[in-house]
Amino acid sequence: MEEVNEELALTTLPGVGPATKQKLNDAGVYTILDLATASPTDIAEAVDIDTSKAVELNNKARKKLVEMGKLEPDFISASELLEKRKAIDRIS
């Protein structure tokens, strides 16, 4: 793996220490950008935490990226978009 840009390092987020970082790395999550775009369910499974905690980590990553200007405030992931589309009633 390439060296991670320090400002995108997972450990820059509160609540992500060395053990959590390693578990996320093992799941293919190396930066806060990876974390922000990952499914909270996938994060929860990878790190063995509650989904609510995974959502919190995901939101922290997104907030930081928005503050850094690296993510649009209205960004939604593909899985979020899919859930929104599933909730739309069909008109026929």
PDB file of N, CA and C in Angstrom:
ATOM      1  N   MET A   1       0.831  -1.183   0.000  1.00  0.00           N
ATOM      2  CA  MET A   1       0.000   0.000   0.000  1.00  0.00           C
ATOM      3  C   MET A   1       0.877   1.248   0.000  1.00  0.00           C
ATOM      4  N   GLU A   2       0.426   2.277  -0.710  1.00  0.00           N
ATOM      5  CA  GLU A   2       1.152   3.538  -0.740  1.00  0.00           C
ATOM      6  C   GLU A   2       0.989   4.270   0.584  1.00  0.00           C
ATOM      7  N   GLU A   3       1.901   5.181   0.829  1.00  0.00           N
ATOM      8  CA  GLU A   3       1.835   5.995   2.040  1.00  0.00           C
ATOM      9  C   GLU A   3       0.590   6.880   1.984  1.00  0.00           C
ATOM     10  N   VAL A   4      -0.137   6.957   3.084  1.00  0.00           N
ATOM     11  CA  VAL A   4      -1.362   7.752   3.161  1.00  0.00           C
ATOM     12  C   VAL A   4      -1.009   9.199   3.480  1.00  0.00           C
ATOM     13  N   ASN A   5      -1.622  10.119   2.746  1.00  0.00           N
ATOM     14  CA  ASN A   5      -1.479  11.541   3.024  1.00  0.00           C
ATOM     15  C   ASN A   5      -1.894  11.766   4.477  1.00  0.00           C
ATOM     16  N   GLU A   6      -1.051  12.409   5.251  1.00  0.00           N
ATOM     17  CA  GLU A   6      -1.283  12.561   6.696  1.00  0.00           C
ATOM     18  C   GLU A   6      -2.627  13.205   7.017  1.00  0.00           C
ATOM     19  N   GLU A   7      -3.056  14.181   6.225  1.00  0.00           N
ATOM     20  CA  GLU A   7      -4.326  14.836   6.527  1.00  0.00           C
ATOM     21  C   GLU A   7      -5.523  13.915   6.289  1.00  0.00           C
ATOM     22  N   LEU A   8      -5.321  12.843   5.536  1.00  0.00           N
ATOM     23  CA  LEU A   8      -6.395  11.880   5.284  1.00  0.00           C
ATOM     24  C   LEU A   8      -6.268  10.627   6.146  1.00  0.00           C
ATOM     25  N   ALA A   9      -5.304  10.613   7.037  1.00  0.00           N
ATOM     26  CA  ALA A   9      -5.073   9.434   7.874  1.00  0.00           C
ATOM     27  C   ALA A   9      -6.275   9.164   8.776  1.00  0.00           C
ATOM     28  N   LEU A  10      -6.598   7.904   8.919  1.00  0.00           N
ATOM     29  CA  LEU A  10      -7.728   7.503   9.761  1.00  0.00           C
ATOM     30  C   LEU A  10      -7.570   7.975  11.198  1.00  0.00           C
ATOM     31  N   THR A  11      -6.350   7.964  11.683  1.00  0.00           N
ATOM     32  CA  THR A  11      -6.115   8.317  13.083  1.00  0.00           C
ATOM     33  C   THR A  11      -6.292   9.807  13.369  1.00  0.00           C
ATOM     34  N   THR A  12      -6.580  10.604  12.336  1.00  0.00           N
ATOM     35  CA  THR A  12      -6.886  12.015  12.584  1.00  0.00           C
ATOM     36  C   THR A  12      -8.313  12.187  13.089  1.00  0.00           C
ATOM     37  N   LEU A  13      -9.099  11.122  13.023  1.00  0.00           N
ATOM     38  CA  LEU A  13     -10.476  11.178  13.521  1.00  0.00           C
ATOM     39  C   LEU A  13     -10.532  10.738  14.977  1.00  0.00           C
ATOM     40  N   PRO A  14     -11.271  11.475  15.802  1.00  0.00           N
ATOM     41  CA  PRO A  14     -11.464  11.026  17.183  1.00  0.00           C
ATOM     42  C   PRO A  14     -12.145   9.654  17.187  1.00  0.00           C
ATOM     43  N   GLY A  15     -11.656   8.776  18.014  1.00  0.00           N
ATOM     44  CA  GLY A  15     -12.249   7.448  18.109  1.00  0.00           C
ATOM     45  C   GLY A  15     -11.572   6.399  17.252  1.00  0.00           C
ATOM     46  N   VAL A  16     -10.605   6.817  16.445  1.00  0.00           N
ATOM     47  CA  VAL A  16      -9.866   5.851  15.625  1.00  0.00           C
ATOM     48  C   VAL A  16      -8.430   5.791  16.134  1.00  0.00           C
ATOM     49  N   GLY A  17      -8.174   4.750  16.894  1.00  0.00           N
ATOM     50  CA  GLY A  17      -6.831   4.517  17.401  1.00  0.00           C
ATOM     51  C   GLY A  17      -6.144   3.446  16.578  1.00  0.00           C
ATOM     52  N   PRO A  18      -4.992   3.003  17.016  1.00  0.00           N
ATOM     53  CA  PRO A  18      -4.227   2.011  16.255  1.00  0.00           C
ATOM     54  C   PRO A  18      -4.982   0.699  15.990  1.00  0.00           C
ATOM     55  N   ALA A  19      -5.714   0.208  16.974  1.00  0.00           N
ATOM     56  CA  ALA A  19      -6.421  -1.068  16.790  1.00  0.00           C
ATOM     57  C   ALA A  19      -7.544  -0.931  15.764  1.00  0.00           C
ATOM     58  N   THR A  20      -8.322   0.138  15.873  1.00  0.00           N
ATOM     59  CA  THR A  20      -9.408   0.372  14.917  1.00  0.00           C
ATOM     60  C   THR A  20      -8.842   0.620  13.531  1.00  0.00           C
ATOM     61  N   LYS A  21      -7.763   1.386  13.470  1.00  0.00           N
ATOM     62  CA  LYS A  21      -7.111   1.652  12.183  1.00  0.00           C
ATOM     63  C   LYS A  21      -6.695   0.342  11.521  1.00  0.00           C
ATOM     64  N   GLN A  22      -6.109  -0.551  12.283  1.00  0.00           N
ATOM     65  CA  GLN A  22      -5.656  -1.825  11.718  1.00  0.00           C
ATOM     66  C   GLN A  22      -6.829  -2.648  11.194  1.00  0.00           C
ATOM     67  N   LYS A  23      -7.917  -2.679  11.947  1.00  0.00           N
ATOM     68  CA  LYS A  23      -9.104  -3.424  11.506  1.00  0.00           C
ATOM     69  C   LYS A  23      -9.675  -2.818  10.225  1.00  0.00           C
ATOM     70  N   LEU A  24      -9.711  -1.494  10.168  1.00  0.00           N
ATOM     71  CA  LEU A  24     -10.199  -0.830   8.958  1.00  0.00           C
ATOM     72  C   LEU A  24      -9.269  -1.109   7.783  1.00  0.00           C
ATOM     73  N   ASN A  25      -7.966  -1.034   8.021  1.00  0.00           N
ATOM     74  CA  ASN A  25      -6.996  -1.345   6.965  1.00  0.00           C
ATOM     75  C   ASN A  25      -7.188  -2.764   6.454  1.00  0.00           C
ATOM     76  N   ASP A  26      -7.409  -3.690   7.372  1.00  0.00           N
ATOM     77  CA  ASP A  26      -7.631  -5.087   6.983  1.00  0.00           C
ATOM     78  C   ASP A  26      -8.866  -5.234   6.099  1.00  0.00           C
ATOM     79  N   ALA A  27      -9.818  -4.308   6.262  1.00  0.00           N
ATOM     80  CA  ALA A  27     -11.045  -4.328   5.462  1.00  0.00           C
ATOM     81  C   ALA A  27     -10.923  -3.479   4.194  1.00  0.00           C
ATOM     82  N   GLY A  28      -9.730  -2.926   3.949  1.00  0.00           N
ATOM     83  CA  GLY A  28      -9.520  -2.132   2.742  1.00  0.00           C
ATOM     84  C   GLY A  28      -9.821  -0.657   2.897  1.00  0.00           C
ATOM     85  N   VAL A  29      -9.985  -0.203   4.124  1.00  0.00           N
ATOM     86  CA  VAL A  29     -10.247   1.213   4.405  1.00  0.00           C
ATOM     87  C   VAL A  29      -8.948   1.814   4.931  1.00  0.00           C
ATOM     88  N   TYR A  30      -8.351   2.718   4.140  1.00  0.00           N
ATOM     89  CA  TYR A  30      -7.036   3.260   4.480  1.00  0.00           C
ATOM     90  C   TYR A  30      -7.043   4.750   4.807  1.00  0.00           C
ATOM     91  N   THR A  31      -8.068   5.463   4.364  1.00  0.00           N
ATOM     92  CA  THR A  31      -8.118   6.913   4.570  1.00  0.00           C
ATOM     93  C   THR A  31      -9.503   7.319   5.058  1.00  0.00           C
ATOM     94  N   ILE A  32      -9.615   8.576   5.492  1.00  0.00           N
ATOM     95  CA  ILE A  32     -10.939   9.050   5.889  1.00  0.00           C
ATOM     96  C   ILE A  32     -11.866   9.150   4.679  1.00  0.00           C
ATOM     97  N   LEU A  33     -11.305   9.301   3.488  1.00  0.00           N
ATOM     98  CA  LEU A  33     -12.134   9.286   2.286  1.00  0.00           C
ATOM     99  C   LEU A  33     -12.738   7.896   2.085  1.00  0.00           C
ATOM    100  N   ASP A  34     -11.933   6.870   2.276  1.00  0.00           N
ATOM    101  CA  ASP A  34     -12.454   5.497   2.204  1.00  0.00           C
ATOM    102  C   ASP A  34     -13.554   5.294   3.242  1.00  0.00           C
ATOM    103  N   LEU A  35     -13.317   5.797   4.429  1.00  0.00           N
ATOM    104  CA  LEU A  35     -14.273   5.638   5.525  1.00  0.00           C
ATOM    105  C   LEU A  35     -15.568   6.387   5.231  1.00  0.00           C
ATOM    106  N   ALA A  36     -15.452   7.582   4.680  1.00  0.00           N
ATOM    107  CA  ALA A  36     -16.630   8.403   4.388  1.00  0.00           C
ATOM    108  C   ALA A  36     -17.510   7.790   3.311  1.00  0.00           C
ATOM    109  N   THR A  37     -16.910   7.045   2.415  1.00  0.00           N
ATOM    110  CA  THR A  37     -17.676   6.479   1.305  1.00  0.00           C
ATOM    111  C   THR A  37     -18.063   5.021   1.535  1.00  0.00           C
ATOM    112  N   ALA A  38     -17.615   4.456   2.636  1.00  0.00           N
ATOM    113  CA  ALA A  38     -17.949   3.066   2.950  1.00  0.00           C
ATOM    114  C   ALA A  38     -19.333   2.977   3.584  1.00  0.00           C
ATOM    115  N   SER A  39     -19.931   1.841   3.438  1.00  0.00           N
ATOM    116  CA  SER A  39     -21.219   1.580   4.067  1.00  0.00           C
ATOM    117  C   SER A  39     -21.018   1.408   5.574  1.00  0.00           C
ATOM    118  N   PRO A  40     -21.842   2.068   6.384  1.00  0.00           N
ATOM    119  CA  PRO A  40     -21.725   1.867   7.830  1.00  0.00           C
ATOM    120  C   PRO A  40     -21.852   0.394   8.243  1.00  0.00           C
ATOM    121  N   THR A  41     -22.648  -0.353   7.522  1.00  0.00           N
ATOM    122  CA  THR A  41     -22.781  -1.782   7.820  1.00  0.00           C
ATOM    123  C   THR A  41     -21.453  -2.494   7.600  1.00  0.00           C
ATOM    124  N   ASP A  42     -20.783  -2.168   6.500  1.00  0.00           N
ATOM    125  CA  ASP A  42     -19.477  -2.769   6.223  1.00  0.00           C
ATOM    126  C   ASP A  42     -18.449  -2.361   7.280  1.00  0.00           C
ATOM    127  N   ILE A  43     -18.503  -1.101   7.678  1.00  0.00           N
ATOM    128  CA  ILE A  43     -17.588  -0.612   8.709  1.00  0.00           C
ATOM    129  C   ILE A  43     -17.837  -1.366  10.017  1.00  0.00           C
ATOM    130  N   ALA A  44     -19.103  -1.475  10.387  1.00  0.00           N
ATOM    131  CA  ALA A  44     -19.462  -2.154  11.640  1.00  0.00           C
ATOM    132  C   ALA A  44     -18.957  -3.588  11.652  1.00  0.00           C
ATOM    133  N   GLU A  45     -19.124  -4.276  10.541  1.00  0.00           N
ATOM    134  CA  GLU A  45     -18.668  -5.663  10.455  1.00  0.00           C
ATOM    135  C   GLU A  45     -17.143  -5.754  10.500  1.00  0.00           C
ATOM    136  N   ALA A  46     -16.476  -4.850   9.812  1.00  0.00           N
ATOM    137  CA  ALA A  46     -15.014  -4.888   9.742  1.00  0.00           C
ATOM    138  C   ALA A  46     -14.365  -4.620  11.093  1.00  0.00           C
ATOM    139  N   VAL A  47     -14.947  -3.699  11.841  1.00  0.00           N
ATOM    140  CA  VAL A  47     -14.337  -3.265  13.095  1.00  0.00           C
ATOM    141  C   VAL A  47     -15.002  -3.924  14.304  1.00  0.00           C
ATOM    142  N   ASP A  48     -16.088  -4.643  14.049  1.00  0.00           N
ATOM    143  CA  ASP A  48     -16.834  -5.318  15.108  1.00  0.00           C
ATOM    144  C   ASP A  48     -17.374  -4.317  16.130  1.00  0.00           C
ATOM    145  N   ILE A  49     -18.131  -3.339  15.590  1.00  0.00           N
ATOM    146  CA  ILE A  49     -18.781  -2.333  16.431  1.00  0.00           C
ATOM    147  C   ILE A  49     -20.252  -2.255  16.041  1.00  0.00           C
ATOM    148  N   ASP A  50     -21.041  -1.579  16.861  1.00  0.00           N
ATOM    149  CA  ASP A  50     -22.451  -1.360  16.538  1.00  0.00           C
ATOM    150  C   ASP A  50     -22.564  -0.495  15.286  1.00  0.00           C
ATOM    151  N   THR A  51     -23.631  -0.713  14.549  1.00  0.00           N
ATOM    152  CA  THR A  51     -23.855   0.082  13.344  1.00  0.00           C
ATOM    153  C   THR A  51     -23.966   1.564  13.682  1.00  0.00           C
ATOM    154  N   SER A  52     -24.559   1.887  14.820  1.00  0.00           N
ATOM    155  CA  SER A  52     -24.688   3.301  15.197  1.00  0.00           C
ATOM    156  C   SER A  52     -23.317   3.952  15.377  1.00  0.00           C
ATOM    157  N   LYS A  53     -22.376   3.214  15.929  1.00  0.00           N
ATOM    158  CA  LYS A  53     -21.009   3.722  16.089  1.00  0.00           C
ATOM    159  C   LYS A  53     -20.342   3.869  14.718  1.00  0.00           C
ATOM    160  N   ALA A  54     -20.625   2.930  13.827  1.00  0.00           N
ATOM    161  CA  ALA A  54     -20.070   3.007  12.475  1.00  0.00           C
ATOM    162  C   ALA A  54     -20.633   4.219  11.727  1.00  0.00           C
ATOM    163  N   VAL A  55     -21.911   4.484  11.917  1.00  0.00           N
ATOM    164  CA  VAL A  55     -22.526   5.668  11.298  1.00  0.00           C
ATOM    165  C   VAL A  55     -21.847   6.928  11.835  1.00  0.00           C
ATOM    166  N   GLU A  56     -21.570   6.934  13.125  1.00  0.00           N
ATOM    167  CA  GLU A  56     -20.896   8.078  13.743  1.00  0.00           C
ATOM    168  C   GLU A  56     -19.503   8.287  13.135  1.00  0.00           C
ATOM    169  N   LEU A  57     -18.745   7.213  12.975  1.00  0.00           N
ATOM    170  CA  LEU A  57     -17.419   7.317  12.349  1.00  0.00           C
ATOM    171  C   LEU A  57     -17.532   7.809  10.912  1.00  0.00           C
ATOM    172  N   ASN A  58     -18.487   7.257  10.186  1.00  0.00           N
ATOM    173  CA  ASN A  58     -18.722   7.647   8.802  1.00  0.00           C
ATOM    174  C   ASN A  58     -19.043   9.140   8.722  1.00  0.00           C
ATOM    175  N   ASN A  59     -19.907   9.605   9.611  1.00  0.00           N
ATOM    176  CA  ASN A  59     -20.285  11.022   9.620  1.00  0.00           C
ATOM    177  C   ASN A  59     -19.119  11.925  10.007  1.00  0.00           C
ATOM    178  N   LYS A  60     -18.292  11.484  10.952  1.00  0.00           N
ATOM    179  CA  LYS A  60     -17.111  12.270  11.330  1.00  0.00           C
ATOM    180  C   LYS A  60     -16.173  12.416  10.137  1.00  0.00           C
ATOM    181  N   ALA A  61     -15.996  11.326   9.408  1.00  0.00           N
ATOM    182  CA  ALA A  61     -15.117  11.364   8.237  1.00  0.00           C
ATOM    183  C   ALA A  61     -15.680  12.306   7.179  1.00  0.00           C
ATOM    184  N   ARG A  62     -16.974  12.214   6.935  1.00  0.00           N
ATOM    185  CA  ARG A  62     -17.596  13.096   5.939  1.00  0.00           C
ATOM    186  C   ARG A  62     -17.478  14.560   6.348  1.00  0.00           C
ATOM    187  N   LYS A  63     -17.754  14.837   7.615  1.00  0.00           N
ATOM    188  CA  LYS A  63     -17.682  16.218   8.099  1.00  0.00           C
ATOM    189  C   LYS A  63     -16.272  16.778   7.917  1.00  0.00           C
ATOM    190  N   LYS A  64     -15.283  15.986   8.272  1.00  0.00           N
ATOM    191  CA  LYS A  64     -13.900  16.447   8.138  1.00  0.00           C
ATOM    192  C   LYS A  64     -13.554  16.704   6.671  1.00  0.00           C
ATOM    193  N   LEU A  65     -13.979  15.817   5.792  1.00  0.00           N
ATOM    194  CA  LEU A  65     -13.688  15.992   4.367  1.00  0.00           C
ATOM    195  C   LEU A  65     -14.389  17.216   3.792  1.00  0.00           C
ATOM    196  N   VAL A  66     -15.604  17.479   4.237  1.00  0.00           N
ATOM    197  CA  VAL A  66     -16.313  18.689   3.799  1.00  0.00           C
ATOM    198  C   VAL A  66     -15.549  19.919   4.268  1.00  0.00           C
ATOM    199  N   GLU A  67     -15.111  19.902   5.528  1.00  0.00           N
ATOM    200  CA  GLU A  67     -14.343  21.030   6.065  1.00  0.00           C
ATOM    201  C   GLU A  67     -13.044  21.239   5.296  1.00  0.00           C
ATOM    202  N   MET A  68     -12.455  20.156   4.814  1.00  0.00           N
ATOM    203  CA  MET A  68     -11.209  20.235   4.055  1.00  0.00           C
ATOM    204  C   MET A  68     -11.449  20.609   2.591  1.00  0.00           C
ATOM    205  N   GLY A  69     -12.710  20.622   2.173  1.00  0.00           N
ATOM    206  CA  GLY A  69     -13.034  20.930   0.788  1.00  0.00           C
ATOM    207  C   GLY A  69     -12.816  19.763  -0.159  1.00  0.00           C
ATOM    208  N   LYS A  70     -12.751  18.564   0.382  1.00  0.00           N
ATOM    209  CA  LYS A  70     -12.499  17.381  -0.439  1.00  0.00           C
ATOM    210  C   LYS A  70     -13.765  16.573  -0.721  1.00  0.00           C
ATOM    211  N   LEU A  71     -14.889  17.005  -0.157  1.00  0.00           N
ATOM    212  CA  LEU A  71     -16.154  16.303  -0.360  1.00  0.00           C
ATOM    213  C   LEU A  71     -17.270  17.337  -0.339  1.00  0.00           C
ATOM    214  N   GLU A  72     -18.197  17.195  -1.256  1.00  0.00           N
ATOM    215  CA  GLU A  72     -19.339  18.108  -1.303  1.00  0.00           C
ATOM    216  C   GLU A  72     -20.256  17.834  -0.116  1.00  0.00           C
ATOM    217  N   PRO A  73     -20.835  18.878   0.467  1.00  0.00           N
ATOM    218  CA  PRO A  73     -21.711  18.682   1.626  1.00  0.00           C
ATOM    219  C   PRO A  73     -22.917  17.783   1.347  1.00  0.00           C
ATOM    220  N   ASP A  74     -23.380  17.764   0.110  1.00  0.00           N
ATOM    221  CA  ASP A  74     -24.566  16.965  -0.210  1.00  0.00           C
ATOM    222  C   ASP A  74     -24.221  15.587  -0.786  1.00  0.00           C
ATOM    223  N   PHE A  75     -22.979  15.151  -0.608  1.00  0.00           N
ATOM    224  CA  PHE A  75     -22.552  13.843  -1.102  1.00  0.00           C
ATOM    225  C   PHE A  75     -23.378  12.725  -0.471  1.00  0.00           C
ATOM    226  N   ILE A  76     -23.798  11.779  -1.305  1.00  0.00           N
ATOM    227  CA  ILE A  76     -24.399  10.553  -0.790  1.00  0.00           C
ATOM    228  C   ILE A  76     -23.743   9.382  -1.511  1.00  0.00           C
ATOM    229  N   SER A  77     -23.570   8.313  -0.782  1.00  0.00           N
ATOM    230  CA  SER A  77     -22.922   7.141  -1.367  1.00  0.00           C
ATOM    231  C   SER A  77     -23.907   6.381  -2.250  1.00  0.00           C
ATOM    232  N   ALA A  78     -23.386   5.476  -3.024  1.00  0.00           N
ATOM    233  CA  ALA A  78     -24.229   4.668  -3.906  1.00  0.00           C
ATOM    234  C   ALA A  78     -25.233   3.846  -3.101  1.00  0.00           C
ATOM    235  N   SER A  79     -24.811   3.316  -1.965  1.00  0.00           N
ATOM    236  CA  SER A  79     -25.742   2.515  -1.158  1.00  0.00           C
ATOM    237  C   SER A  79     -26.856   3.391  -0.585  1.00  0.00           C
ATOM    238  N   GLU A  80     -26.531   4.633  -0.227  1.00  0.00           N
ATOM    239  CA  GLU A  80     -27.570   5.552   0.253  1.00  0.00           C
ATOM    240  C   GLU A  80     -28.540   5.901  -0.872  1.00  0.00           C
ATOM    241  N   LEU A  81     -28.006   6.112  -2.053  1.00  0.00           N
ATOM    242  CA  LEU A  81     -28.855   6.413  -3.200  1.00  0.00           C
ATOM    243  C   LEU A  81     -29.777   5.242  -3.510  1.00  0.00           C
ATOM    244  N   LEU A  82     -29.246   4.043  -3.442  1.00  0.00           N
ATOM    245  CA  LEU A  82     -30.064   2.856  -3.681  1.00  0.00           C
ATOM    246  C   LEU A  82     -31.212   2.778  -2.680  1.00  0.00           C
ATOM    247  N   GLU A  83     -30.931   3.034  -1.415  1.00  0.00           N
ATOM    248  CA  GLU A  83     -31.984   3.001  -0.397  1.00  0.00           C
ATOM    249  C   GLU A  83     -33.050   4.058  -0.669  1.00  0.00           C
ATOM    250  N   LYS A  84     -32.631   5.234  -1.104  1.00  0.00           N
ATOM    251  CA  LYS A  84     -33.598   6.283  -1.442  1.00  0.00           C
ATOM    252  C   LYS A  84     -34.466   5.855  -2.617  1.00  0.00           C
ATOM    253  N   ARG A  85     -33.844   5.234  -3.598  1.00  0.00           N
ATOM    254  CA  ARG A  85     -34.600   4.790  -4.776  1.00  0.00           C
ATOM    255  C   ARG A  85     -35.586   3.692  -4.413  1.00  0.00           C
ATOM    256  N   LYS A  86     -35.200   2.819  -3.501  1.00  0.00           N
ATOM    257  CA  LYS A  86     -36.104   1.749  -3.067  1.00  0.00           C
ATOM    258  C   LYS A  86     -37.333   2.315  -2.357  1.00  0.00           C
ATOM    259  N   ALA A  87     -37.159   3.453  -1.718  1.00  0.00           N
ATOM    260  CA  ALA A  87     -38.247   4.053  -0.952  1.00  0.00           C
ATOM    261  C   ALA A  87     -39.237   4.826  -1.827  1.00  0.00           C
ATOM    262  N   ILE A  88     -38.901   5.018  -3.080  1.00  0.00           N
ATOM    263  CA  ILE A  88     -39.786   5.762  -3.976  1.00  0.00           C
ATOM    264  C   ILE A  88     -40.913   4.852  -4.439  1.00  0.00           C
ATOM    265  N   ASP A  89     -42.131   5.325  -4.263  1.00  0.00           N
ATOM    266  CA  ASP A  89     -43.282   4.565  -4.752  1.00  0.00           C
ATOM    267  C   ASP A  89     -43.366   4.704  -6.267  1.00  0.00           C
ATOM    268  N   ARG A  90     -43.756   3.628  -6.883  1.00  0.00           N
ATOM    269  CA  ARG A  90     -43.907   3.652  -8.346  1.00  0.00           C
ATOM    270  C   ARG A  90     -45.255   4.258  -8.718  1.00  0.00           C
ATOM    271  N   ILE A  91     -45.223   5.023  -9.768  1.00  0.00           N
ATOM    272  CA  ILE A  91     -46.456   5.582 -10.315  1.00  0.00           C
ATOM    273  C   ILE A  91     -46.690   4.895 -11.648  1.00  0.00           C
ATOM    274  N   SER A  92     -47.856   4.305 -11.779  1.00  0.00           N
ATOM    275  CA  SER A  92     -48.121   3.630 -13.056  1.00  0.00           C
ATOM    276  C   SER A  92     -49.469   4.005 -13.600  1.00  0.00           C
TER     277      SER A  92
END
